[in-house]
Amino acid sequence: DKQPNFVGSREWIGCFEAMIVVDTLYDVQCRILHCQENNTLDEINEKLREHFESKGGPIMMGGNVDVASKGVLGCAKAIDDDSKFFLIADPHFLSTSQQTAEVDYLLTNEWISCRDINSFDQNSFYNFCIPQKKANIL
């Protein structure tokens, strides 16, 4: 779906293209889960929870208005209310510090964040690229 000048460019790919790359290079099939704009991510949260319990691997998340891709590492629901959260890794984070391996540094510099699902742009649709292979846990 890209123009011929895309090849060799530094343009970004979306979840659909990521699905093709993962399938082609690593022989891991993925599925795309789509959440339309102005929808809450409540139902998606439950489907992602099921994925993390059965497969355990990270998920790519991207949108059309909110175009910054995200790595979803987990999801949660608050105990005391119905708040729901995604644990997000920012794949664009760059650091010049020697401390990048320290969790406190990563959390305070927003490389990893726990975001309420209501904080995502309600005018953006979101796609989730979900690998269908169980993650290898070391």
Protein backbone atom coordinates (compact mmCIF):
# COMPACT_ATOMS: atom_id res chain seq x y z
CA ASP A 1 0.00 0.00 0.00
CA LYS A 2 3.06 2.29 -0.16
CA GLN A 3 4.36 4.38 -3.05
CA PRO A 4 7.48 3.06 -4.86
CA ASN A 5 9.65 5.80 -3.27
CA PHE A 6 8.86 4.31 0.17
CA VAL A 7 11.49 1.59 -0.38
CA GLY A 8 14.76 2.77 1.12
CA SER A 9 13.10 5.78 2.79
CA ARG A 10 13.03 6.56 6.49
CA GLU A 11 9.22 6.73 6.58
CA TRP A 12 7.32 4.93 9.34
CA ILE A 13 5.29 1.78 8.90
CA GLY A 14 2.05 1.01 10.70
CA CYS A 15 0.67 -2.07 12.43
CA PHE A 16 -0.41 -3.68 9.16
CA GLU A 17 3.06 -3.41 7.66
CA ALA A 18 4.63 -4.55 10.94
CA MET A 19 2.40 -7.63 10.78
CA ILE A 20 3.72 -8.44 7.28
CA VAL A 21 7.36 -7.92 8.36
CA VAL A 22 7.03 -10.12 11.48
CA ASP A 23 5.29 -12.84 9.48
CA THR A 24 7.78 -12.71 6.60
CA LEU A 25 11.04 -12.40 8.55
CA TYR A 26 10.20 -14.45 11.66
CA ASP A 27 7.38 -16.75 10.51
CA VAL A 28 5.16 -15.48 13.33
CA GLN A 29 1.59 -14.82 12.30
CA CYS A 30 -0.08 -11.76 13.79
CA ARG A 31 -3.60 -10.45 13.80
CA ILE A 32 -4.77 -6.88 13.66
CA LEU A 33 -7.27 -5.74 16.25
CA HIS A 34 -8.94 -2.47 15.25
CA CYS A 35 -10.55 0.06 17.60
CA GLN A 36 -12.53 2.78 15.84
CA GLU A 37 -12.30 6.42 16.84
CA ASN A 38 -14.62 7.69 19.58
CA ASN A 39 -14.75 4.20 21.05
CA THR A 40 -13.47 3.44 24.48
CA LEU A 41 -10.66 0.94 24.71
CA ASP A 42 -12.57 -1.07 27.37
CA GLU A 43 -13.20 -4.09 25.13
CA ILE A 44 -9.70 -3.95 23.71
CA ASN A 45 -8.27 -3.99 27.24
CA GLU A 46 -9.99 -7.32 27.93
CA LYS A 47 -8.78 -8.84 24.63
CA LEU A 48 -5.23 -7.68 25.33
CA ARG A 49 -5.40 -9.16 28.84
CA GLU A 50 -6.38 -12.51 27.30
CA HIS A 51 -3.42 -12.25 24.90
CA PHE A 52 -0.95 -11.53 27.70
CA GLU A 53 -2.25 -14.46 29.74
CA SER A 54 -2.09 -16.94 26.83
CA LYS A 55 0.80 -15.68 24.67
CA GLY A 56 2.71 -13.21 26.84
CA GLY A 57 4.36 -11.23 24.06
CA PRO A 58 4.37 -7.48 23.43
CA ILE A 59 1.86 -5.82 21.11
CA MET A 60 2.39 -2.94 18.69
CA MET A 61 -0.17 -0.11 18.91
CA GLY A 62 -0.58 2.68 16.37
CA GLY A 63 -3.23 5.16 15.32
CA ASN A 64 -4.16 7.66 12.64
CA VAL A 65 -4.47 10.89 14.67
CA ASP A 66 -2.28 9.70 17.54
CA VAL A 67 0.47 8.54 15.16
CA ALA A 68 3.18 7.73 17.72
CA SER A 69 3.59 3.96 17.75
CA LYS A 70 3.61 2.29 21.13
CA GLY A 71 4.66 -1.06 22.51
CA VAL A 72 2.00 -2.47 24.81
CA LEU A 73 3.70 -4.64 27.43
CA GLY A 74 0.70 -5.30 29.66
CA CYS A 75 -2.70 -4.13 30.77
CA ALA A 76 -4.44 -3.82 34.10
CA LYS A 77 -7.66 -2.85 35.81
CA ALA A 78 -7.68 -0.87 39.06
CA ILE A 79 -8.91 -2.75 42.11
CA ASP A 80 -10.89 0.13 43.64
CA ASP A 81 -12.67 1.38 40.50
CA ASP A 82 -13.15 0.54 36.82
CA SER A 83 -10.03 2.38 35.61
CA LYS A 84 -8.06 0.45 33.00
CA PHE A 85 -4.45 0.92 32.00
CA PHE A 86 -1.92 -0.07 29.35
CA LEU A 87 1.74 -0.51 30.24
CA ILE A 88 3.42 1.31 27.35
CA ALA A 89 7.01 1.18 26.12
CA ASP A 90 7.99 4.10 23.89
CA PRO A 91 9.91 2.65 20.92
CA HIS A 92 11.15 6.15 20.01
CA PHE A 93 12.94 6.78 23.31
CA LEU A 94 16.62 7.61 22.94
CA SER A 95 19.00 8.25 25.78
CA THR A 96 22.59 9.38 25.97
CA SER A 97 22.79 8.31 29.60
CA GLN A 98 24.67 5.30 30.94
CA GLN A 99 21.73 4.65 33.28
CA THR A 100 19.24 3.38 30.68
CA ALA A 101 19.27 -0.09 32.21
CA GLU A 102 18.05 1.23 35.56
CA VAL A 103 14.30 0.92 35.95
CA ASP A 104 13.96 4.13 37.98
CA TYR A 105 15.63 6.07 35.19
CA LEU A 106 13.38 4.53 32.56
CA LEU A 107 10.22 5.22 34.52
CA THR A 108 11.09 8.80 35.41
CA ASN A 109 12.00 9.58 31.80
CA GLU A 110 8.78 8.05 30.41
CA TRP A 111 10.40 5.29 28.41
CA ILE A 112 7.90 3.05 30.16
CA SER A 113 4.61 4.41 31.44
CA CYS A 114 1.33 3.14 32.79
CA ARG A 115 -1.38 5.05 30.91
CA ASP A 116 -5.09 5.21 31.66
CA ILE A 117 -6.94 4.06 28.55
CA ASN A 118 -9.00 7.27 28.70
CA SER A 119 -5.81 9.30 28.11
CA PHE A 120 -5.57 8.13 24.50
CA ASP A 121 -6.93 10.39 21.74
CA GLN A 122 -10.64 9.66 21.32
CA ASN A 123 -10.50 11.06 17.75
CA SER A 124 -7.94 8.50 16.66
CA PHE A 125 -8.56 4.94 15.62
CA TYR A 126 -6.04 2.44 16.96
CA ASN A 127 -4.69 -0.75 15.48
CA PHE A 128 -3.03 -3.43 17.56
CA CYS A 129 -0.62 -5.90 15.93
CA ILE A 130 -0.89 -9.03 18.06
CA PRO A 131 1.62 -11.89 17.56
CA GLN A 132 -0.05 -15.30 17.67
CA LYS A 133 2.94 -17.23 18.97
CA LYS A 134 3.58 -17.85 22.64
CA ALA A 135 6.54 -15.81 23.86
CA ASN A 136 9.64 -17.67 25.01
CA ILE A 137 10.25 -16.83 28.66
CA LEU A 138 13.89 -17.14 29.71
